[in-house]
Amino acid sequence: MADQTQYVTLGAADSLFAVPVERVQQILETQPVAAMPHAPADFLGMIDVRGQSVPVMDLRRRLALAAAEDSHSTRIMVLDARIGEVPRRIGLKTDRVFEVTELDTGSMEAPPDLGASWRTEFVAGVGRRNGAFVTVLDLDRLFAAEDLPAAARI
């Protein structure tokens, strides 16, 4: 029997993504985000989560997907990631969150190799759920220090 890992599935644009459930701290409805001056486009700003300042990144912008207005389904996932060797809590704005589910990690595939024109470092693998492809995000690489604004690294 293949190992089973639980994932939280989420959507951005028409794509289905997943993150390991143990990295998800909370799922919040949208809320005001305090913008930071001269921030990169994918860094929305900061929110307060139980007295802790949490930087919020936009998944669509981070993955170079077309921008969209927030809807009633838009959520901020508060996630644990490692930036370098340092554990950090980071918010990730996504279009919607679906469910906690299992993907068969034994049949998880590596991202397809299309050459240098496609950045695959954010992808831990490609799985399937109910016949649909699910891109499993590598959170530590998604929030890599060299790509993050300074506010997310403190």
N, C-alpha and C. Protein backbone atom coordinates (compact mmCIF):
# COMPACT_ATOMS: atom_id res chain seq x y z
N MET A 1 0.84 -1.19 0.00
CA MET A 1 0.00 0.00 0.00
C MET A 1 0.89 1.25 0.00
N ALA A 2 0.57 2.19 -0.86
CA ALA A 2 1.35 3.43 -0.97
C ALA A 2 1.09 4.32 0.24
N ASP A 3 2.12 5.11 0.58
CA ASP A 3 1.95 6.08 1.65
C ASP A 3 0.87 7.08 1.29
N GLN A 4 0.09 7.46 2.27
CA GLN A 4 -0.95 8.46 2.04
C GLN A 4 -0.62 9.69 2.88
N THR A 5 -0.57 10.82 2.23
CA THR A 5 -0.33 12.09 2.89
C THR A 5 -1.56 12.94 2.68
N GLN A 6 -1.98 13.66 3.71
CA GLN A 6 -3.13 14.53 3.57
C GLN A 6 -2.70 15.90 3.08
N TYR A 7 -3.51 16.46 2.20
CA TYR A 7 -3.26 17.77 1.61
C TYR A 7 -4.52 18.62 1.71
N VAL A 8 -4.31 19.92 1.77
CA VAL A 8 -5.41 20.86 1.61
C VAL A 8 -5.37 21.29 0.14
N THR A 9 -6.48 21.10 -0.55
CA THR A 9 -6.53 21.50 -1.96
C THR A 9 -7.10 22.90 -2.07
N LEU A 10 -6.54 23.66 -3.00
CA LEU A 10 -6.92 25.05 -3.20
C LEU A 10 -6.88 25.37 -4.67
N GLY A 11 -7.55 26.46 -5.02
CA GLY A 11 -7.59 26.84 -6.43
C GLY A 11 -7.13 28.26 -6.64
N ALA A 12 -6.47 28.47 -7.77
CA ALA A 12 -6.11 29.80 -8.25
C ALA A 12 -6.27 29.76 -9.76
N ALA A 13 -7.01 30.73 -10.28
CA ALA A 13 -7.38 30.72 -11.70
C ALA A 13 -8.11 29.40 -11.95
N ASP A 14 -7.76 28.68 -13.00
CA ASP A 14 -8.41 27.40 -13.29
C ASP A 14 -7.57 26.22 -12.83
N SER A 15 -6.56 26.48 -12.00
CA SER A 15 -5.63 25.44 -11.58
C SER A 15 -5.97 24.93 -10.18
N LEU A 16 -5.64 23.66 -9.97
CA LEU A 16 -5.86 23.00 -8.68
C LEU A 16 -4.49 22.73 -8.06
N PHE A 17 -4.32 23.21 -6.83
CA PHE A 17 -3.06 23.06 -6.11
C PHE A 17 -3.31 22.35 -4.80
N ALA A 18 -2.23 21.92 -4.15
CA ALA A 18 -2.33 21.29 -2.83
C ALA A 18 -1.10 21.65 -2.01
N VAL A 19 -1.32 21.72 -0.70
CA VAL A 19 -0.22 21.90 0.26
C VAL A 19 -0.42 20.87 1.37
N PRO A 20 0.68 20.39 1.94
CA PRO A 20 0.53 19.41 3.02
C PRO A 20 -0.26 19.99 4.19
N VAL A 21 -1.20 19.22 4.69
CA VAL A 21 -2.10 19.70 5.75
C VAL A 21 -1.33 20.11 7.00
N GLU A 22 -0.22 19.44 7.30
CA GLU A 22 0.51 19.78 8.52
C GLU A 22 1.18 21.16 8.45
N ARG A 23 1.24 21.75 7.27
CA ARG A 23 1.83 23.09 7.13
C ARG A 23 0.78 24.20 7.24
N VAL A 24 -0.49 23.83 7.26
CA VAL A 24 -1.58 24.81 7.29
C VAL A 24 -1.96 25.09 8.75
N GLN A 25 -1.85 26.35 9.15
CA GLN A 25 -2.20 26.74 10.52
C GLN A 25 -3.66 27.19 10.62
N GLN A 26 -4.10 27.98 9.66
CA GLN A 26 -5.49 28.43 9.63
C GLN A 26 -5.86 28.83 8.22
N ILE A 27 -7.15 28.91 8.02
CA ILE A 27 -7.70 29.41 6.76
C ILE A 27 -8.63 30.56 7.14
N LEU A 28 -8.32 31.75 6.65
CA LEU A 28 -9.06 32.95 7.01
C LEU A 28 -9.84 33.49 5.82
N GLU A 29 -10.96 34.14 6.13
CA GLU A 29 -11.64 34.91 5.09
C GLU A 29 -10.78 36.12 4.78
N THR A 30 -11.04 36.74 3.64
CA THR A 30 -10.25 37.93 3.30
C THR A 30 -10.45 39.00 4.36
N GLN A 31 -9.43 39.80 4.52
CA GLN A 31 -9.46 40.87 5.50
C GLN A 31 -8.54 41.97 5.00
N PRO A 32 -8.64 43.15 5.59
CA PRO A 32 -7.75 44.23 5.15
C PRO A 32 -6.29 43.85 5.38
N VAL A 33 -5.47 44.20 4.40
CA VAL A 33 -4.04 43.93 4.45
C VAL A 33 -3.32 45.27 4.46
N ALA A 34 -2.41 45.45 5.40
CA ALA A 34 -1.64 46.69 5.49
C ALA A 34 -0.54 46.65 4.44
N ALA A 35 -0.67 47.46 3.40
CA ALA A 35 0.30 47.48 2.31
C ALA A 35 1.63 48.02 2.80
N MET A 36 2.70 47.56 2.18
CA MET A 36 4.04 48.01 2.50
C MET A 36 4.59 48.78 1.30
N PRO A 37 5.27 49.90 1.55
CA PRO A 37 5.80 50.70 0.43
C PRO A 37 6.88 49.95 -0.34
N HIS A 38 6.88 50.15 -1.64
CA HIS A 38 7.89 49.59 -2.56
C HIS A 38 7.95 48.07 -2.51
N ALA A 39 6.85 47.43 -2.19
CA ALA A 39 6.83 45.97 -2.09
C ALA A 39 6.70 45.35 -3.48
N PRO A 40 7.24 44.15 -3.67
CA PRO A 40 7.04 43.43 -4.93
C PRO A 40 5.54 43.18 -5.15
N ALA A 41 5.15 42.97 -6.39
CA ALA A 41 3.74 42.82 -6.74
C ALA A 41 3.06 41.66 -6.02
N ASP A 42 3.78 40.59 -5.73
CA ASP A 42 3.15 39.42 -5.11
C ASP A 42 3.08 39.52 -3.58
N PHE A 43 3.70 40.54 -3.00
CA PHE A 43 3.64 40.75 -1.55
C PHE A 43 2.55 41.79 -1.28
N LEU A 44 1.43 41.32 -0.74
CA LEU A 44 0.27 42.19 -0.54
C LEU A 44 0.42 43.10 0.68
N GLY A 45 1.13 42.63 1.71
CA GLY A 45 1.29 43.40 2.93
C GLY A 45 1.20 42.50 4.14
N MET A 46 0.77 43.08 5.27
CA MET A 46 0.76 42.36 6.54
C MET A 46 -0.65 42.29 7.10
N ILE A 47 -0.92 41.19 7.81
CA ILE A 47 -2.16 41.05 8.57
C ILE A 47 -1.79 40.68 10.00
N ASP A 48 -2.73 40.87 10.91
CA ASP A 48 -2.56 40.48 12.29
C ASP A 48 -3.30 39.16 12.50
N VAL A 49 -2.57 38.17 12.98
CA VAL A 49 -3.17 36.88 13.31
C VAL A 49 -2.87 36.59 14.77
N ARG A 50 -3.86 36.82 15.62
CA ARG A 50 -3.73 36.60 17.06
C ARG A 50 -2.51 37.31 17.64
N GLY A 51 -2.35 38.58 17.27
CA GLY A 51 -1.27 39.39 17.80
C GLY A 51 0.07 39.22 17.10
N GLN A 52 0.12 38.37 16.09
CA GLN A 52 1.36 38.15 15.34
C GLN A 52 1.24 38.77 13.96
N SER A 53 2.27 39.53 13.54
CA SER A 53 2.29 40.09 12.19
C SER A 53 2.65 39.00 11.20
N VAL A 54 1.80 38.84 10.18
CA VAL A 54 2.00 37.79 9.18
C VAL A 54 2.01 38.43 7.79
N PRO A 55 3.12 38.25 7.04
CA PRO A 55 3.15 38.76 5.67
C PRO A 55 2.21 37.93 4.80
N VAL A 56 1.59 38.58 3.81
CA VAL A 56 0.64 37.89 2.93
C VAL A 56 1.13 38.00 1.48
N MET A 57 1.26 36.84 0.84
CA MET A 57 1.65 36.76 -0.56
C MET A 57 0.42 36.39 -1.38
N ASP A 58 0.38 36.84 -2.63
CA ASP A 58 -0.71 36.53 -3.55
C ASP A 58 -0.28 35.35 -4.42
N LEU A 59 -0.97 34.21 -4.31
CA LEU A 59 -0.59 33.02 -5.07
C LEU A 59 -0.65 33.26 -6.56
N ARG A 60 -1.69 33.94 -7.03
CA ARG A 60 -1.80 34.21 -8.46
C ARG A 60 -0.57 34.96 -8.97
N ARG A 61 -0.20 36.02 -8.28
CA ARG A 61 0.94 36.82 -8.72
C ARG A 61 2.25 36.05 -8.57
N ARG A 62 2.37 35.27 -7.48
CA ARG A 62 3.59 34.50 -7.25
C ARG A 62 3.83 33.49 -8.36
N LEU A 63 2.74 32.94 -8.90
CA LEU A 63 2.86 31.94 -9.96
C LEU A 63 2.67 32.52 -11.36
N ALA A 64 2.66 33.85 -11.46
CA ALA A 64 2.52 34.55 -12.75
C ALA A 64 1.21 34.21 -13.45
N LEU A 65 0.14 34.07 -12.66
CA LEU A 65 -1.21 33.88 -13.21
C LEU A 65 -1.88 35.24 -13.33
N ALA A 66 -2.89 35.33 -14.17
CA ALA A 66 -3.59 36.60 -14.35
C ALA A 66 -4.24 37.05 -13.04
N ALA A 67 -4.19 38.35 -12.78
CA ALA A 67 -4.81 38.91 -11.57
C ALA A 67 -6.33 38.78 -11.64
N ALA A 68 -6.97 38.77 -10.48
CA ALA A 68 -8.43 38.70 -10.41
C ALA A 68 -8.91 39.41 -9.15
N GLU A 69 -10.12 39.88 -9.19
CA GLU A 69 -10.73 40.51 -8.01
C GLU A 69 -11.04 39.43 -6.98
N ASP A 70 -11.03 39.83 -5.70
CA ASP A 70 -11.44 38.92 -4.64
C ASP A 70 -12.92 38.58 -4.81
N SER A 71 -13.30 37.40 -4.34
CA SER A 71 -14.70 36.98 -4.36
C SER A 71 -15.07 36.47 -2.97
N HIS A 72 -16.29 36.00 -2.83
CA HIS A 72 -16.72 35.44 -1.54
C HIS A 72 -15.94 34.17 -1.19
N SER A 73 -15.28 33.55 -2.17
CA SER A 73 -14.50 32.33 -1.94
C SER A 73 -13.04 32.59 -1.64
N THR A 74 -12.56 33.82 -1.83
CA THR A 74 -11.15 34.13 -1.62
C THR A 74 -10.78 33.88 -0.16
N ARG A 75 -9.64 33.26 0.05
CA ARG A 75 -9.18 32.93 1.40
C ARG A 75 -7.70 33.28 1.55
N ILE A 76 -7.28 33.44 2.80
CA ILE A 76 -5.88 33.58 3.14
C ILE A 76 -5.52 32.35 3.98
N MET A 77 -4.60 31.55 3.46
CA MET A 77 -4.13 30.38 4.18
C MET A 77 -2.89 30.80 4.96
N VAL A 78 -2.89 30.58 6.26
CA VAL A 78 -1.73 30.87 7.08
C VAL A 78 -0.92 29.58 7.16
N LEU A 79 0.30 29.67 6.64
CA LEU A 79 1.13 28.48 6.43
C LEU A 79 2.45 28.58 7.16
N ASP A 80 3.01 27.44 7.50
CA ASP A 80 4.36 27.37 8.04
C ASP A 80 5.30 27.02 6.90
N ALA A 81 6.37 27.81 6.77
CA ALA A 81 7.37 27.55 5.74
C ALA A 81 8.74 27.79 6.36
N ARG A 82 9.75 27.29 5.71
CA ARG A 82 11.13 27.56 6.12
C ARG A 82 11.75 28.46 5.08
N ILE A 83 12.25 29.59 5.54
CA ILE A 83 12.96 30.51 4.66
C ILE A 83 14.42 30.39 5.06
N GLY A 84 15.18 29.76 4.20
CA GLY A 84 16.54 29.38 4.60
C GLY A 84 16.40 28.33 5.68
N GLU A 85 17.00 28.57 6.81
CA GLU A 85 16.90 27.63 7.94
C GLU A 85 15.90 28.10 8.99
N VAL A 86 15.20 29.21 8.71
CA VAL A 86 14.36 29.83 9.72
C VAL A 86 12.88 29.53 9.47
N PRO A 87 12.17 28.96 10.45
CA PRO A 87 10.73 28.74 10.28
C PRO A 87 10.00 30.08 10.30
N ARG A 88 9.03 30.23 9.39
CA ARG A 88 8.24 31.46 9.29
C ARG A 88 6.78 31.11 9.09
N ARG A 89 5.93 32.02 9.50
CA ARG A 89 4.50 31.91 9.26
C ARG A 89 4.17 32.94 8.17
N ILE A 90 3.55 32.49 7.09
CA ILE A 90 3.26 33.35 5.95
C ILE A 90 1.83 33.10 5.49
N GLY A 91 1.13 34.18 5.14
CA GLY A 91 -0.21 34.07 4.58
C GLY A 91 -0.13 33.95 3.07
N LEU A 92 -0.99 33.15 2.50
CA LEU A 92 -1.04 32.96 1.05
C LEU A 92 -2.48 33.18 0.60
N LYS A 93 -2.70 34.25 -0.17
CA LYS A 93 -4.06 34.53 -0.67
C LYS A 93 -4.33 33.66 -1.88
N THR A 94 -5.45 32.96 -1.84
CA THR A 94 -5.84 32.06 -2.92
C THR A 94 -7.31 32.27 -3.26
N ASP A 95 -7.70 31.87 -4.44
CA ASP A 95 -9.08 32.10 -4.90
C ASP A 95 -10.10 31.31 -4.09
N ARG A 96 -9.72 30.11 -3.68
CA ARG A 96 -10.66 29.25 -2.95
C ARG A 96 -9.91 28.09 -2.30
N VAL A 97 -10.50 27.55 -1.27
CA VAL A 97 -9.97 26.36 -0.60
C VAL A 97 -11.05 25.31 -0.69
N PHE A 98 -10.67 24.09 -1.07
CA PHE A 98 -11.65 23.04 -1.29
C PHE A 98 -11.82 22.09 -0.11
N GLU A 99 -10.80 21.28 0.15
CA GLU A 99 -10.97 20.21 1.14
C GLU A 99 -9.62 19.69 1.60
N VAL A 100 -9.67 18.90 2.67
CA VAL A 100 -8.53 18.10 3.08
C VAL A 100 -8.75 16.74 2.44
N THR A 101 -7.72 16.26 1.74
CA THR A 101 -7.87 15.01 1.01
C THR A 101 -6.54 14.28 0.95
N GLU A 102 -6.56 13.09 0.46
CA GLU A 102 -5.34 12.32 0.27
C GLU A 102 -5.04 12.21 -1.22
N LEU A 103 -3.78 12.32 -1.55
CA LEU A 103 -3.30 12.04 -2.89
C LEU A 103 -2.37 10.84 -2.76
N ASP A 104 -2.32 10.01 -3.74
CA ASP A 104 -1.46 8.84 -3.68
C ASP A 104 -0.03 9.28 -3.93
N THR A 105 0.76 9.43 -2.86
CA THR A 105 2.14 9.90 -3.01
C THR A 105 3.01 8.87 -3.70
N GLY A 106 2.61 7.62 -3.68
CA GLY A 106 3.38 6.59 -4.38
C GLY A 106 3.37 6.79 -5.88
N SER A 107 2.35 7.42 -6.40
CA SER A 107 2.28 7.66 -7.84
C SER A 107 2.49 9.13 -8.19
N MET A 108 2.91 9.93 -7.21
CA MET A 108 3.19 11.33 -7.48
C MET A 108 4.31 11.43 -8.50
N GLU A 109 4.12 12.29 -9.47
CA GLU A 109 5.10 12.47 -10.53
C GLU A 109 5.86 13.76 -10.33
N ALA A 110 7.08 13.79 -10.83
CA ALA A 110 7.85 15.03 -10.84
C ALA A 110 7.21 15.96 -11.88
N PRO A 111 7.40 17.27 -11.73
CA PRO A 111 6.87 18.18 -12.74
C PRO A 111 7.51 17.88 -14.09
N PRO A 112 6.77 18.04 -15.18
CA PRO A 112 7.35 17.75 -16.49
C PRO A 112 8.51 18.68 -16.81
N ASP A 113 9.52 18.16 -17.46
CA ASP A 113 10.70 18.94 -17.83
C ASP A 113 10.47 19.57 -19.20
N LEU A 114 10.24 20.88 -19.19
CA LEU A 114 10.01 21.60 -20.44
C LEU A 114 11.17 22.51 -20.78
N GLY A 115 12.28 22.35 -20.07
CA GLY A 115 13.43 23.19 -20.31
C GLY A 115 13.42 24.41 -19.43
N ALA A 116 14.31 25.33 -19.71
CA ALA A 116 14.51 26.50 -18.87
C ALA A 116 13.38 27.50 -18.92
N SER A 117 12.47 27.38 -19.86
CA SER A 117 11.41 28.39 -20.01
C SER A 117 10.32 28.26 -18.96
N TRP A 118 10.30 27.17 -18.19
CA TRP A 118 9.26 26.97 -17.19
C TRP A 118 9.91 26.76 -15.83
N ARG A 119 9.54 27.60 -14.88
CA ARG A 119 10.09 27.50 -13.52
C ARG A 119 9.32 26.45 -12.73
N THR A 120 9.99 25.35 -12.43
CA THR A 120 9.33 24.26 -11.72
C THR A 120 9.75 24.17 -10.26
N GLU A 121 10.61 25.08 -9.79
CA GLU A 121 11.12 24.94 -8.43
C GLU A 121 10.04 25.09 -7.37
N PHE A 122 8.89 25.67 -7.70
CA PHE A 122 7.81 25.82 -6.73
C PHE A 122 6.96 24.55 -6.63
N VAL A 123 7.19 23.58 -7.50
CA VAL A 123 6.35 22.39 -7.60
C VAL A 123 7.05 21.19 -6.96
N ALA A 124 6.42 20.61 -5.93
CA ALA A 124 6.96 19.41 -5.29
C ALA A 124 6.62 18.17 -6.10
N GLY A 125 5.51 18.20 -6.83
CA GLY A 125 5.10 17.08 -7.64
C GLY A 125 3.71 17.31 -8.20
N VAL A 126 3.30 16.38 -9.04
CA VAL A 126 1.97 16.43 -9.64
C VAL A 126 1.26 15.13 -9.29
N GLY A 127 0.12 15.28 -8.64
CA GLY A 127 -0.67 14.12 -8.26
C GLY A 127 -2.02 14.15 -8.95
N ARG A 128 -2.90 13.30 -8.51
CA ARG A 128 -4.25 13.25 -9.07
C ARG A 128 -5.26 13.11 -7.95
N ARG A 129 -6.41 13.70 -8.19
CA ARG A 129 -7.54 13.60 -7.26
C ARG A 129 -8.80 13.57 -8.09
N ASN A 130 -9.55 12.49 -8.00
CA ASN A 130 -10.78 12.33 -8.78
C ASN A 130 -10.56 12.58 -10.27
N GLY A 131 -9.45 12.10 -10.79
CA GLY A 131 -9.15 12.23 -12.21
C GLY A 131 -8.56 13.56 -12.63
N ALA A 132 -8.48 14.52 -11.71
CA ALA A 132 -7.93 15.84 -12.05
C ALA A 132 -6.48 15.93 -11.57
N PHE A 133 -5.66 16.62 -12.35
CA PHE A 133 -4.29 16.86 -11.93
C PHE A 133 -4.26 17.87 -10.79
N VAL A 134 -3.40 17.62 -9.81
CA VAL A 134 -3.23 18.49 -8.67
C VAL A 134 -1.73 18.81 -8.55
N THR A 135 -1.40 20.08 -8.60
CA THR A 135 -0.02 20.50 -8.46
C THR A 135 0.27 20.71 -6.98
N VAL A 136 1.20 19.93 -6.44
CA VAL A 136 1.57 20.04 -5.04
C VAL A 136 2.68 21.08 -4.94
N LEU A 137 2.42 22.13 -4.16
CA LEU A 137 3.37 23.23 -4.04
C LEU A 137 4.47 22.92 -3.03
N ASP A 138 5.68 23.30 -3.34
CA ASP A 138 6.80 23.23 -2.40
C ASP A 138 6.85 24.58 -1.70
N LEU A 139 6.28 24.66 -0.50
CA LEU A 139 6.14 25.94 0.20
C LEU A 139 7.48 26.60 0.51
N ASP A 140 8.47 25.81 0.87
CA ASP A 140 9.76 26.40 1.20
C ASP A 140 10.38 27.08 -0.02
N ARG A 141 10.24 26.48 -1.16
CA ARG A 141 10.76 27.09 -2.39
C ARG A 141 9.85 28.22 -2.88
N LEU A 142 8.55 28.07 -2.68
CA LEU A 142 7.61 29.12 -3.09
C LEU A 142 7.94 30.42 -2.36
N PHE A 143 8.35 30.29 -1.11
CA PHE A 143 8.68 31.45 -0.31
C PHE A 143 10.19 31.61 -0.12
N ALA A 144 10.98 31.21 -1.11
CA ALA A 144 12.44 31.27 -1.01
C ALA A 144 12.91 32.68 -0.68
N ALA A 145 13.89 32.79 0.19
CA ALA A 145 14.35 34.07 0.72
C ALA A 145 14.79 35.04 -0.36
N GLU A 146 15.45 34.57 -1.39
CA GLU A 146 15.95 35.50 -2.39
C GLU A 146 14.82 36.15 -3.19
N ASP A 147 13.65 35.56 -3.15
CA ASP A 147 12.51 36.11 -3.88
C ASP A 147 11.55 36.88 -3.00
N LEU A 148 11.72 36.80 -1.68
CA LEU A 148 10.76 37.41 -0.77
C LEU A 148 11.18 38.83 -0.38
N PRO A 149 10.19 39.68 -0.14
CA PRO A 149 10.51 41.01 0.37
C PRO A 149 11.05 40.89 1.80
N ALA A 150 11.77 41.92 2.21
CA ALA A 150 12.41 41.91 3.53
C ALA A 150 11.40 41.70 4.66
N ALA A 151 10.19 42.26 4.55
CA ALA A 151 9.19 42.14 5.62
C ALA A 151 8.79 40.69 5.88
N ALA A 152 8.86 39.85 4.87
CA ALA A 152 8.49 38.44 5.04
C ALA A 152 9.62 37.65 5.68
N ARG A 153 10.83 38.21 5.70
CA ARG A 153 11.97 37.48 6.24
C ARG A 153 12.23 37.80 7.71
N ILE A 154 11.54 38.80 8.27
CA ILE A 154 11.79 39.15 9.67
C ILE A 154 10.94 38.34 10.62
